[in-house]
């Protein structure tokens, strides 16, 4: 589960997500923490990465790995992943956050595994700050959401496509709430 997939690697995610120091981000369905452990240190001492999963065991696993990374001194970005990651056991359709609190929300190979993906996108859009970004990464497998379907679902939730990279079978797409400035940050 911790293998980078073609076109969905950590540098690909960085290019589309564009994490910045001091931001507050949310990852839905962090799995074993591959992306979380990479993104959290980039947010710096004033940033924060909230992670949401319905399985407490997965959240515990990510937090164990974050502490191990800190103890081993393996944070290439120089930040403290363990301090920057805050776990929440919750359903992604009913996010336990106020409206407009996140600079970015992201999901990598997770949306297709969640029931009611339109509700998940709606909850994510609600939690975004005005002008915030939602990044979805998908890879062809049995839970895959083809890009055309994702684009329709996002449109239905008031999300505007800002960028897409990768081929049809492995892509990352960045959306912004409609009406938000579409200019690249």
N, C-alpha and C. Protein backbone atom coordinates (compact mmCIF):
# COMPACT_ATOMS: atom_id res chain seq x y z
N UNK A 1 0.81 -1.20 0.00
CA UNK A 1 0.00 0.00 0.00
C UNK A 1 0.85 1.27 0.00
N UNK A 2 2.13 1.16 0.27
CA UNK A 2 2.97 2.34 0.34
C UNK A 2 3.81 2.55 -0.90
N UNK A 3 3.38 2.02 -2.02
CA UNK A 3 4.10 2.22 -3.27
C UNK A 3 3.52 3.42 -3.99
N UNK A 4 4.43 4.25 -4.50
CA UNK A 4 3.96 5.36 -5.32
C UNK A 4 3.49 4.80 -6.64
N UNK A 5 2.35 5.25 -7.10
CA UNK A 5 1.78 4.80 -8.37
C UNK A 5 2.22 5.74 -9.49
N UNK A 6 2.33 5.21 -10.71
CA UNK A 6 2.69 6.08 -11.83
C UNK A 6 1.71 7.26 -11.94
N UNK A 7 2.25 8.44 -12.13
CA UNK A 7 1.50 9.69 -12.29
C UNK A 7 0.82 10.15 -11.00
N UNK A 8 0.97 9.37 -9.91
CA UNK A 8 0.41 9.76 -8.62
C UNK A 8 1.49 9.78 -7.55
N UNK A 9 2.73 9.97 -7.96
CA UNK A 9 3.84 10.01 -7.02
C UNK A 9 3.81 11.27 -6.18
N UNK A 10 4.68 11.31 -5.21
CA UNK A 10 4.70 12.45 -4.28
C UNK A 10 5.07 13.75 -4.98
N UNK A 11 5.98 13.71 -5.94
CA UNK A 11 6.31 14.95 -6.67
C UNK A 11 5.15 15.38 -7.56
N UNK A 12 4.41 14.40 -8.11
CA UNK A 12 3.21 14.73 -8.89
C UNK A 12 2.17 15.40 -8.00
N UNK A 13 1.97 14.84 -6.79
CA UNK A 13 1.02 15.42 -5.85
C UNK A 13 1.44 16.84 -5.48
N UNK A 14 2.72 17.04 -5.19
CA UNK A 14 3.20 18.39 -4.84
C UNK A 14 2.90 19.39 -5.95
N UNK A 15 3.10 18.97 -7.19
CA UNK A 15 2.91 19.88 -8.33
C UNK A 15 1.46 20.32 -8.46
N UNK A 16 0.52 19.46 -8.11
CA UNK A 16 -0.90 19.80 -8.25
C UNK A 16 -1.47 20.39 -6.96
N UNK A 17 -1.10 19.83 -5.82
CA UNK A 17 -1.61 20.29 -4.52
C UNK A 17 -0.98 21.63 -4.10
N UNK A 18 0.30 21.77 -4.36
CA UNK A 18 1.05 22.99 -4.03
C UNK A 18 1.00 23.35 -2.55
N UNK A 19 1.43 22.44 -1.67
CA UNK A 19 1.41 22.74 -0.23
C UNK A 19 2.36 23.89 0.11
N UNK A 20 1.92 24.74 1.05
CA UNK A 20 2.72 25.89 1.46
C UNK A 20 2.78 25.98 2.99
N UNK A 21 3.86 26.52 3.46
CA UNK A 21 4.06 26.73 4.89
C UNK A 21 2.90 27.52 5.48
N UNK A 22 2.43 27.06 6.64
CA UNK A 22 1.38 27.76 7.36
C UNK A 22 -0.03 27.38 6.96
N UNK A 23 -0.19 26.54 5.96
CA UNK A 23 -1.54 26.17 5.53
C UNK A 23 -2.13 25.09 6.43
N UNK A 24 -3.45 25.05 6.43
CA UNK A 24 -4.18 23.96 7.08
C UNK A 24 -4.81 23.14 5.97
N UNK A 25 -4.49 21.86 5.97
CA UNK A 25 -4.99 20.95 4.94
C UNK A 25 -5.71 19.78 5.57
N UNK A 26 -6.49 19.10 4.72
CA UNK A 26 -7.24 17.91 5.13
C UNK A 26 -7.00 16.81 4.11
N UNK A 27 -6.62 15.63 4.60
CA UNK A 27 -6.55 14.46 3.74
C UNK A 27 -7.66 13.50 4.13
N UNK A 28 -8.42 13.08 3.14
CA UNK A 28 -9.49 12.11 3.35
C UNK A 28 -8.98 10.74 2.91
N UNK A 29 -9.13 9.74 3.78
CA UNK A 29 -8.70 8.38 3.45
C UNK A 29 -7.19 8.28 3.33
N UNK A 30 -6.43 8.57 4.39
CA UNK A 30 -4.97 8.60 4.29
C UNK A 30 -4.30 7.24 4.13
N UNK A 31 -5.06 6.16 4.26
CA UNK A 31 -4.44 4.84 4.12
C UNK A 31 -3.33 4.66 5.13
N UNK A 32 -2.16 4.24 4.66
CA UNK A 32 -1.03 4.00 5.56
C UNK A 32 -0.20 5.25 5.81
N UNK A 33 -0.55 6.36 5.19
CA UNK A 33 0.10 7.62 5.47
C UNK A 33 1.15 8.08 4.48
N UNK A 34 1.26 7.43 3.34
CA UNK A 34 2.28 7.79 2.36
C UNK A 34 2.25 9.28 2.04
N UNK A 35 1.09 9.81 1.67
CA UNK A 35 0.98 11.22 1.31
C UNK A 35 1.03 12.11 2.55
N UNK A 36 0.36 11.71 3.63
CA UNK A 36 0.34 12.54 4.85
C UNK A 36 1.74 12.78 5.38
N UNK A 37 2.56 11.75 5.41
CA UNK A 37 3.91 11.88 5.95
C UNK A 37 4.79 12.74 5.05
N UNK A 38 4.41 12.87 3.81
CA UNK A 38 5.14 13.73 2.87
C UNK A 38 4.65 15.18 2.94
N UNK A 39 3.34 15.36 3.03
CA UNK A 39 2.76 16.71 2.99
C UNK A 39 2.92 17.45 4.32
N UNK A 40 2.68 16.79 5.44
CA UNK A 40 2.66 17.47 6.74
C UNK A 40 3.92 18.29 7.03
N UNK A 41 5.13 17.76 6.82
CA UNK A 41 6.31 18.58 7.12
C UNK A 41 6.43 19.83 6.25
N UNK A 42 5.83 19.81 5.07
CA UNK A 42 5.88 20.97 4.18
C UNK A 42 5.04 22.13 4.69
N UNK A 43 4.14 21.85 5.61
CA UNK A 43 3.25 22.88 6.13
C UNK A 43 3.93 23.72 7.21
N UNK A 44 5.10 23.28 7.67
CA UNK A 44 5.89 24.04 8.62
C UNK A 44 5.31 24.04 10.02
N UNK A 45 5.95 24.78 10.92
CA UNK A 45 5.54 24.76 12.33
C UNK A 45 4.17 25.41 12.58
N UNK A 46 3.73 26.27 11.68
CA UNK A 46 2.43 26.91 11.86
C UNK A 46 1.32 26.26 11.04
N UNK A 47 1.67 25.21 10.28
CA UNK A 47 0.68 24.52 9.47
C UNK A 47 0.12 23.32 10.19
N UNK A 48 -0.88 22.71 9.56
CA UNK A 48 -1.54 21.56 10.18
C UNK A 48 -2.18 20.71 9.10
N UNK A 49 -2.05 19.41 9.26
CA UNK A 49 -2.71 18.46 8.37
C UNK A 49 -3.67 17.62 9.19
N UNK A 50 -4.97 17.80 8.97
CA UNK A 50 -5.97 16.94 9.58
C UNK A 50 -6.15 15.75 8.66
N UNK A 51 -6.30 14.57 9.22
CA UNK A 51 -6.57 13.38 8.42
C UNK A 51 -7.86 12.75 8.92
N UNK A 52 -8.68 12.27 7.98
CA UNK A 52 -9.97 11.65 8.31
C UNK A 52 -10.03 10.27 7.71
N UNK A 53 -10.42 9.30 8.53
CA UNK A 53 -10.65 7.94 8.06
C UNK A 53 -11.74 7.34 8.93
N UNK A 54 -12.51 6.41 8.38
CA UNK A 54 -13.54 5.73 9.16
C UNK A 54 -12.96 4.61 10.02
N UNK A 55 -11.72 4.24 9.75
CA UNK A 55 -11.08 3.15 10.49
C UNK A 55 -10.04 3.72 11.45
N UNK A 56 -10.30 3.61 12.73
CA UNK A 56 -9.36 4.10 13.74
C UNK A 56 -8.00 3.43 13.59
N UNK A 57 -8.00 2.16 13.18
CA UNK A 57 -6.74 1.42 13.02
C UNK A 57 -5.83 2.10 12.00
N UNK A 58 -6.40 2.62 10.92
CA UNK A 58 -5.59 3.29 9.90
C UNK A 58 -5.03 4.60 10.45
N UNK A 59 -5.84 5.33 11.19
CA UNK A 59 -5.35 6.57 11.80
C UNK A 59 -4.22 6.28 12.79
N UNK A 60 -4.39 5.24 13.60
CA UNK A 60 -3.35 4.86 14.55
C UNK A 60 -2.06 4.49 13.82
N UNK A 61 -2.20 3.79 12.70
CA UNK A 61 -1.03 3.39 11.91
C UNK A 61 -0.28 4.62 11.39
N UNK A 62 -1.02 5.59 10.85
CA UNK A 62 -0.39 6.81 10.33
C UNK A 62 0.33 7.54 11.45
N UNK A 63 -0.29 7.65 12.61
CA UNK A 63 0.32 8.39 13.71
C UNK A 63 1.57 7.66 14.23
N UNK A 64 1.54 6.34 14.27
CA UNK A 64 2.73 5.57 14.66
C UNK A 64 3.88 5.84 13.69
N UNK A 65 3.56 5.80 12.40
CA UNK A 65 4.58 6.05 11.38
C UNK A 65 5.12 7.47 11.48
N UNK A 66 4.27 8.44 11.76
CA UNK A 66 4.73 9.83 11.89
C UNK A 66 5.71 9.95 13.05
N UNK A 67 5.40 9.32 14.16
CA UNK A 67 6.32 9.36 15.32
C UNK A 67 7.62 8.66 15.00
N UNK A 68 7.57 7.56 14.28
CA UNK A 68 8.79 6.85 13.87
C UNK A 68 9.64 7.70 12.95
N UNK A 69 9.00 8.42 12.03
CA UNK A 69 9.74 9.30 11.12
C UNK A 69 10.49 10.38 11.90
N UNK A 70 9.82 10.96 12.89
CA UNK A 70 10.45 12.00 13.70
C UNK A 70 11.62 11.41 14.49
N UNK A 71 11.41 10.27 15.11
CA UNK A 71 12.47 9.64 15.90
C UNK A 71 13.67 9.27 15.04
N UNK A 72 13.42 8.88 13.81
CA UNK A 72 14.51 8.49 12.91
C UNK A 72 15.12 9.71 12.21
N UNK A 73 14.52 10.88 12.39
CA UNK A 73 15.04 12.10 11.77
C UNK A 73 14.93 12.08 10.26
N UNK A 74 13.84 11.47 9.73
CA UNK A 74 13.71 11.31 8.28
C UNK A 74 12.77 12.30 7.63
N UNK A 75 12.56 13.44 8.20
CA UNK A 75 11.70 14.43 7.56
C UNK A 75 12.55 15.32 6.66
N UNK A 76 12.54 15.02 5.38
CA UNK A 76 13.36 15.75 4.41
C UNK A 76 13.03 17.24 4.41
N UNK A 77 11.78 17.59 4.62
CA UNK A 77 11.39 19.00 4.59
C UNK A 77 11.74 19.72 5.89
N UNK A 78 12.22 18.98 6.88
CA UNK A 78 12.65 19.59 8.13
C UNK A 78 11.54 19.85 9.12
N UNK A 79 10.31 19.55 8.78
CA UNK A 79 9.20 19.76 9.70
C UNK A 79 8.96 18.56 10.57
N UNK A 80 8.02 18.67 11.48
CA UNK A 80 7.69 17.59 12.39
C UNK A 80 6.33 17.04 12.01
N UNK A 81 6.32 15.93 11.28
CA UNK A 81 5.06 15.36 10.80
C UNK A 81 4.15 14.97 11.95
N UNK A 82 4.71 14.41 13.01
CA UNK A 82 3.88 13.94 14.12
C UNK A 82 3.12 15.10 14.77
N UNK A 83 3.77 16.25 14.92
CA UNK A 83 3.12 17.39 15.54
C UNK A 83 2.11 18.04 14.61
N UNK A 84 2.33 17.94 13.30
CA UNK A 84 1.48 18.63 12.33
C UNK A 84 0.25 17.83 11.92
N UNK A 85 0.20 16.53 12.23
CA UNK A 85 -0.92 15.68 11.82
C UNK A 85 -1.90 15.49 12.97
N UNK A 86 -3.18 15.76 12.69
CA UNK A 86 -4.24 15.59 13.68
C UNK A 86 -5.27 14.62 13.12
N UNK A 87 -5.41 13.43 13.74
CA UNK A 87 -6.34 12.42 13.21
C UNK A 87 -7.77 12.61 13.71
N UNK A 88 -8.73 12.24 12.84
CA UNK A 88 -10.15 12.29 13.18
C UNK A 88 -10.81 11.03 12.63
N UNK A 89 -11.44 10.26 13.49
CA UNK A 89 -12.19 9.09 13.03
C UNK A 89 -13.59 9.56 12.68
N UNK A 90 -13.88 9.60 11.38
CA UNK A 90 -15.15 10.15 10.92
C UNK A 90 -15.45 9.66 9.51
N UNK A 91 -16.68 9.77 9.14
CA UNK A 91 -17.13 9.48 7.79
C UNK A 91 -16.88 10.73 6.94
N UNK A 92 -16.28 10.55 5.77
CA UNK A 92 -15.97 11.69 4.89
C UNK A 92 -17.21 12.37 4.36
N UNK A 93 -18.37 11.73 4.45
CA UNK A 93 -19.61 12.36 4.00
C UNK A 93 -20.14 13.35 5.02
N UNK A 94 -19.66 13.25 6.26
CA UNK A 94 -20.14 14.08 7.38
C UNK A 94 -18.92 14.63 8.11
N UNK A 95 -18.17 15.49 7.48
CA UNK A 95 -16.92 15.98 8.07
C UNK A 95 -17.18 16.80 9.33
N UNK A 96 -16.39 16.54 10.38
CA UNK A 96 -16.60 17.22 11.68
C UNK A 96 -15.89 18.57 11.78
N UNK A 97 -16.01 19.38 10.75
CA UNK A 97 -15.33 20.68 10.72
C UNK A 97 -16.31 21.78 10.34
N UNK A 98 -15.99 22.98 10.78
CA UNK A 98 -16.78 24.14 10.38
C UNK A 98 -16.60 24.41 8.89
N UNK A 99 -17.44 25.23 8.34
CA UNK A 99 -17.31 25.65 6.94
C UNK A 99 -16.06 26.51 6.77
N UNK A 100 -15.42 26.36 5.62
CA UNK A 100 -14.35 27.26 5.21
C UNK A 100 -13.11 27.27 6.08
N UNK A 101 -12.65 26.12 6.55
CA UNK A 101 -11.47 26.12 7.43
C UNK A 101 -10.18 25.64 6.75
N UNK A 102 -10.28 24.98 5.60
CA UNK A 102 -9.10 24.39 4.99
C UNK A 102 -8.65 25.14 3.74
N UNK A 103 -7.33 25.31 3.63
CA UNK A 103 -6.74 25.86 2.41
C UNK A 103 -6.81 24.83 1.29
N UNK A 104 -6.72 23.55 1.65
CA UNK A 104 -6.78 22.48 0.65
C UNK A 104 -7.30 21.21 1.29
N UNK A 105 -7.99 20.43 0.48
CA UNK A 105 -8.44 19.08 0.83
C UNK A 105 -7.95 18.18 -0.28
N UNK A 106 -7.43 16.99 0.08
CA UNK A 106 -7.00 16.07 -0.96
C UNK A 106 -7.33 14.63 -0.62
N UNK A 107 -7.47 13.83 -1.69
CA UNK A 107 -7.75 12.39 -1.60
C UNK A 107 -6.97 11.72 -2.73
N UNK A 108 -6.21 10.71 -2.42
CA UNK A 108 -5.47 9.99 -3.45
C UNK A 108 -5.88 8.52 -3.39
N UNK A 109 -6.45 8.04 -4.46
CA UNK A 109 -6.99 6.67 -4.61
C UNK A 109 -7.93 6.31 -3.46
N UNK A 110 -8.73 7.26 -3.03
CA UNK A 110 -9.65 7.03 -1.92
C UNK A 110 -11.11 7.29 -2.27
N UNK A 111 -11.38 8.23 -3.15
CA UNK A 111 -12.77 8.62 -3.41
C UNK A 111 -13.61 7.45 -3.91
N UNK A 112 -13.05 6.63 -4.76
CA UNK A 112 -13.79 5.49 -5.29
C UNK A 112 -14.11 4.43 -4.27
N UNK A 113 -13.42 4.45 -3.14
CA UNK A 113 -13.68 3.48 -2.07
C UNK A 113 -14.73 3.98 -1.08
N UNK A 114 -15.12 5.24 -1.23
CA UNK A 114 -16.06 5.84 -0.28
C UNK A 114 -17.48 5.79 -0.84
N UNK A 115 -18.45 5.45 0.02
CA UNK A 115 -19.84 5.50 -0.45
C UNK A 115 -20.24 6.94 -0.74
N UNK A 116 -21.10 7.10 -1.71
CA UNK A 116 -21.67 8.40 -2.06
C UNK A 116 -20.60 9.46 -2.33
N UNK A 117 -19.79 9.26 -3.37
CA UNK A 117 -18.72 10.22 -3.65
C UNK A 117 -19.21 11.66 -3.84
N UNK A 118 -20.42 11.85 -4.32
CA UNK A 118 -20.94 13.23 -4.47
C UNK A 118 -21.07 13.90 -3.10
N UNK A 119 -21.52 13.16 -2.11
CA UNK A 119 -21.62 13.72 -0.74
C UNK A 119 -20.24 14.02 -0.17
N UNK A 120 -19.27 13.16 -0.47
CA UNK A 120 -17.90 13.40 -0.01
C UNK A 120 -17.37 14.70 -0.61
N UNK A 121 -17.57 14.88 -1.92
CA UNK A 121 -17.12 16.11 -2.57
C UNK A 121 -17.85 17.33 -2.02
N UNK A 122 -19.13 17.18 -1.73
CA UNK A 122 -19.91 18.28 -1.16
C UNK A 122 -19.36 18.67 0.21
N UNK A 123 -19.07 17.68 1.04
CA UNK A 123 -18.52 17.95 2.37
C UNK A 123 -17.15 18.61 2.26
N UNK A 124 -16.33 18.13 1.33
CA UNK A 124 -15.00 18.71 1.12
C UNK A 124 -15.12 20.17 0.65
N UNK A 125 -16.02 20.43 -0.28
CA UNK A 125 -16.21 21.79 -0.79
C UNK A 125 -16.67 22.72 0.33
N UNK A 126 -17.54 22.24 1.19
CA UNK A 126 -18.03 23.04 2.31
C UNK A 126 -16.90 23.41 3.26
N UNK A 127 -15.96 22.50 3.44
CA UNK A 127 -14.86 22.72 4.39
C UNK A 127 -13.75 23.60 3.84
N UNK A 128 -13.75 23.84 2.52
CA UNK A 128 -12.72 24.66 1.90
C UNK A 128 -12.94 26.14 2.16
N UNK A 129 -11.83 26.86 2.34
CA UNK A 129 -11.89 28.32 2.39
C UNK A 129 -12.25 28.82 0.99
N UNK A 130 -12.80 30.03 0.87
CA UNK A 130 -13.00 30.59 -0.47
C UNK A 130 -11.65 30.61 -1.21
N UNK A 131 -11.64 30.14 -2.42
CA UNK A 131 -10.40 30.06 -3.19
C UNK A 131 -9.55 28.85 -2.85
N UNK A 132 -10.03 28.00 -1.94
CA UNK A 132 -9.28 26.80 -1.56
C UNK A 132 -9.21 25.81 -2.71
N UNK A 133 -8.47 24.74 -2.52
CA UNK A 133 -8.30 23.77 -3.58
C UNK A 133 -8.61 22.36 -3.10
N UNK A 134 -9.22 21.61 -3.98
CA UNK A 134 -9.53 20.20 -3.75
C UNK A 134 -8.77 19.41 -4.80
N UNK A 135 -7.95 18.46 -4.34
CA UNK A 135 -7.18 17.63 -5.26
C UNK A 135 -7.63 16.18 -5.10
N UNK A 136 -7.96 15.57 -6.24
CA UNK A 136 -8.37 14.17 -6.28
C UNK A 136 -7.41 13.42 -7.19
N UNK A 137 -6.87 12.33 -6.69
CA UNK A 137 -6.01 11.46 -7.49
C UNK A 137 -6.67 10.10 -7.62
N UNK A 138 -6.72 9.59 -8.83
CA UNK A 138 -7.33 8.28 -9.08
C UNK A 138 -6.42 7.44 -9.96
N UNK A 139 -6.45 6.15 -9.73
CA UNK A 139 -5.65 5.18 -10.48
C UNK A 139 -6.56 4.01 -10.85
N UNK A 140 -6.40 3.50 -12.07
CA UNK A 140 -7.27 2.43 -12.55
C UNK A 140 -7.16 1.19 -11.68
N UNK A 141 -8.22 0.91 -10.94
CA UNK A 141 -8.38 -0.32 -10.17
C UNK A 141 -9.88 -0.55 -10.01
N UNK A 142 -10.27 -1.50 -9.21
CA UNK A 142 -11.70 -1.83 -9.12
C UNK A 142 -12.54 -0.72 -8.47
N UNK A 143 -11.90 0.24 -7.78
CA UNK A 143 -12.62 1.34 -7.14
C UNK A 143 -12.48 2.66 -7.91
N UNK A 144 -11.83 2.62 -9.03
CA UNK A 144 -11.48 3.80 -9.82
C UNK A 144 -12.70 4.62 -10.23
N UNK A 145 -12.56 5.94 -10.16
CA UNK A 145 -13.57 6.85 -10.69
C UNK A 145 -12.97 7.49 -11.93
N UNK A 146 -13.51 7.16 -13.11
CA UNK A 146 -12.98 7.78 -14.34
C UNK A 146 -13.09 9.31 -14.26
N UNK A 147 -12.18 9.99 -14.93
CA UNK A 147 -12.13 11.44 -14.85
C UNK A 147 -13.46 12.09 -15.27
N UNK A 148 -14.08 11.60 -16.33
CA UNK A 148 -15.35 12.19 -16.77
C UNK A 148 -16.39 12.16 -15.67
N UNK A 149 -16.48 11.06 -14.96
CA UNK A 149 -17.45 10.96 -13.85
C UNK A 149 -17.06 11.92 -12.73
N UNK A 150 -15.77 11.97 -12.38
CA UNK A 150 -15.33 12.89 -11.34
C UNK A 150 -15.67 14.33 -11.72
N UNK A 151 -15.42 14.69 -12.97
CA UNK A 151 -15.69 16.06 -13.41
C UNK A 151 -17.17 16.39 -13.27
N UNK A 152 -18.05 15.45 -13.65
CA UNK A 152 -19.49 15.67 -13.49
C UNK A 152 -19.88 15.79 -12.02
N UNK A 153 -19.32 14.91 -11.18
CA UNK A 153 -19.62 14.96 -9.74
C UNK A 153 -19.16 16.29 -9.14
N UNK A 154 -17.97 16.73 -9.51
CA UNK A 154 -17.43 17.99 -9.00
C UNK A 154 -18.28 19.18 -9.45
N UNK A 155 -18.65 19.19 -10.73
CA UNK A 155 -19.52 20.25 -11.24
C UNK A 155 -20.81 20.33 -10.43
N UNK A 156 -21.36 19.16 -10.12
CA UNK A 156 -22.60 19.10 -9.36
C UNK A 156 -22.48 19.63 -7.94
N UNK A 157 -21.24 19.72 -7.45
CA UNK A 157 -21.00 20.22 -6.09
C UNK A 157 -20.42 21.63 -6.09
N UNK A 158 -20.48 22.29 -7.23
CA UNK A 158 -20.00 23.67 -7.32
C UNK A 158 -18.49 23.80 -7.33
N UNK A 159 -17.82 22.80 -7.93
CA UNK A 159 -16.37 22.81 -8.01
C UNK A 159 -15.93 22.95 -9.47
N UNK A 160 -15.01 23.85 -9.70
CA UNK A 160 -14.52 24.18 -11.04
C UNK A 160 -13.15 23.55 -11.25
N UNK A 161 -12.96 22.87 -12.37
CA UNK A 161 -11.67 22.26 -12.68
C UNK A 161 -10.63 23.34 -12.94
N UNK A 162 -9.51 23.30 -12.19
CA UNK A 162 -8.44 24.26 -12.37
C UNK A 162 -7.23 23.64 -13.06
N UNK A 163 -7.01 22.34 -12.86
CA UNK A 163 -5.86 21.68 -13.46
C UNK A 163 -6.07 20.17 -13.42
N UNK A 164 -5.53 19.53 -14.44
CA UNK A 164 -5.52 18.07 -14.48
C UNK A 164 -4.20 17.62 -15.08
N UNK A 165 -3.60 16.58 -14.51
CA UNK A 165 -2.39 16.03 -15.10
C UNK A 165 -2.44 14.51 -15.02
N UNK A 166 -1.72 13.88 -15.93
CA UNK A 166 -1.69 12.43 -16.00
C UNK A 166 -2.65 11.92 -17.06
N UNK A 167 -2.46 10.66 -17.45
CA UNK A 167 -3.34 10.06 -18.46
C UNK A 167 -4.69 9.67 -17.87
N UNK A 168 -5.56 9.16 -18.71
CA UNK A 168 -6.91 8.81 -18.27
C UNK A 168 -6.95 7.79 -17.14
N UNK A 169 -5.99 6.88 -17.12
CA UNK A 169 -6.03 5.79 -16.14
C UNK A 169 -5.30 6.10 -14.83
N UNK A 170 -4.65 7.23 -14.74
CA UNK A 170 -3.95 7.63 -13.51
C UNK A 170 -3.79 9.14 -13.56
N UNK A 171 -4.65 9.84 -12.86
CA UNK A 171 -4.65 11.30 -12.97
C UNK A 171 -4.73 11.96 -11.61
N UNK A 172 -4.33 13.21 -11.57
CA UNK A 172 -4.56 14.11 -10.45
C UNK A 172 -5.34 15.30 -11.02
N UNK A 173 -6.35 15.74 -10.30
CA UNK A 173 -7.15 16.88 -10.74
C UNK A 173 -7.34 17.84 -9.57
N UNK A 174 -7.15 19.13 -9.85
CA UNK A 174 -7.36 20.16 -8.83
C UNK A 174 -8.61 20.95 -9.19
N UNK A 175 -9.46 21.13 -8.20
CA UNK A 175 -10.70 21.89 -8.35
C UNK A 175 -10.69 23.05 -7.37
N UNK A 176 -11.47 24.08 -7.69
CA UNK A 176 -11.69 25.22 -6.81
C UNK A 176 -13.21 25.44 -6.74
N UNK A 177 -13.67 26.00 -5.63
CA UNK A 177 -15.10 26.33 -5.59
C UNK A 177 -15.43 27.30 -6.73
N UNK A 178 -16.54 27.06 -7.41
CA UNK A 178 -16.95 27.93 -8.51
C UNK A 178 -17.07 29.36 -8.00
N UNK A 179 -16.66 30.28 -8.84
CA UNK A 179 -16.68 31.68 -8.44
C UNK A 179 -15.38 32.13 -7.80
N UNK A 180 -14.56 31.16 -7.34
CA UNK A 180 -13.25 31.51 -6.77
C UNK A 180 -12.31 31.86 -7.91
N UNK A 181 -11.35 32.66 -7.63
CA UNK A 181 -10.37 33.03 -8.66
C UNK A 181 -9.72 31.76 -9.20
N UNK A 182 -9.77 31.60 -10.50
CA UNK A 182 -9.22 30.41 -11.13
C UNK A 182 -7.73 30.54 -11.43
N UNK A 183 -7.18 31.70 -11.16
CA UNK A 183 -5.76 31.90 -11.45
C UNK A 183 -4.91 31.00 -10.58
N UNK A 184 -3.83 30.51 -11.14
CA UNK A 184 -2.92 29.65 -10.38
C UNK A 184 -2.27 30.47 -9.28
N UNK A 185 -2.13 29.82 -8.13
CA UNK A 185 -1.51 30.48 -6.98
C UNK A 185 -0.04 30.19 -7.01
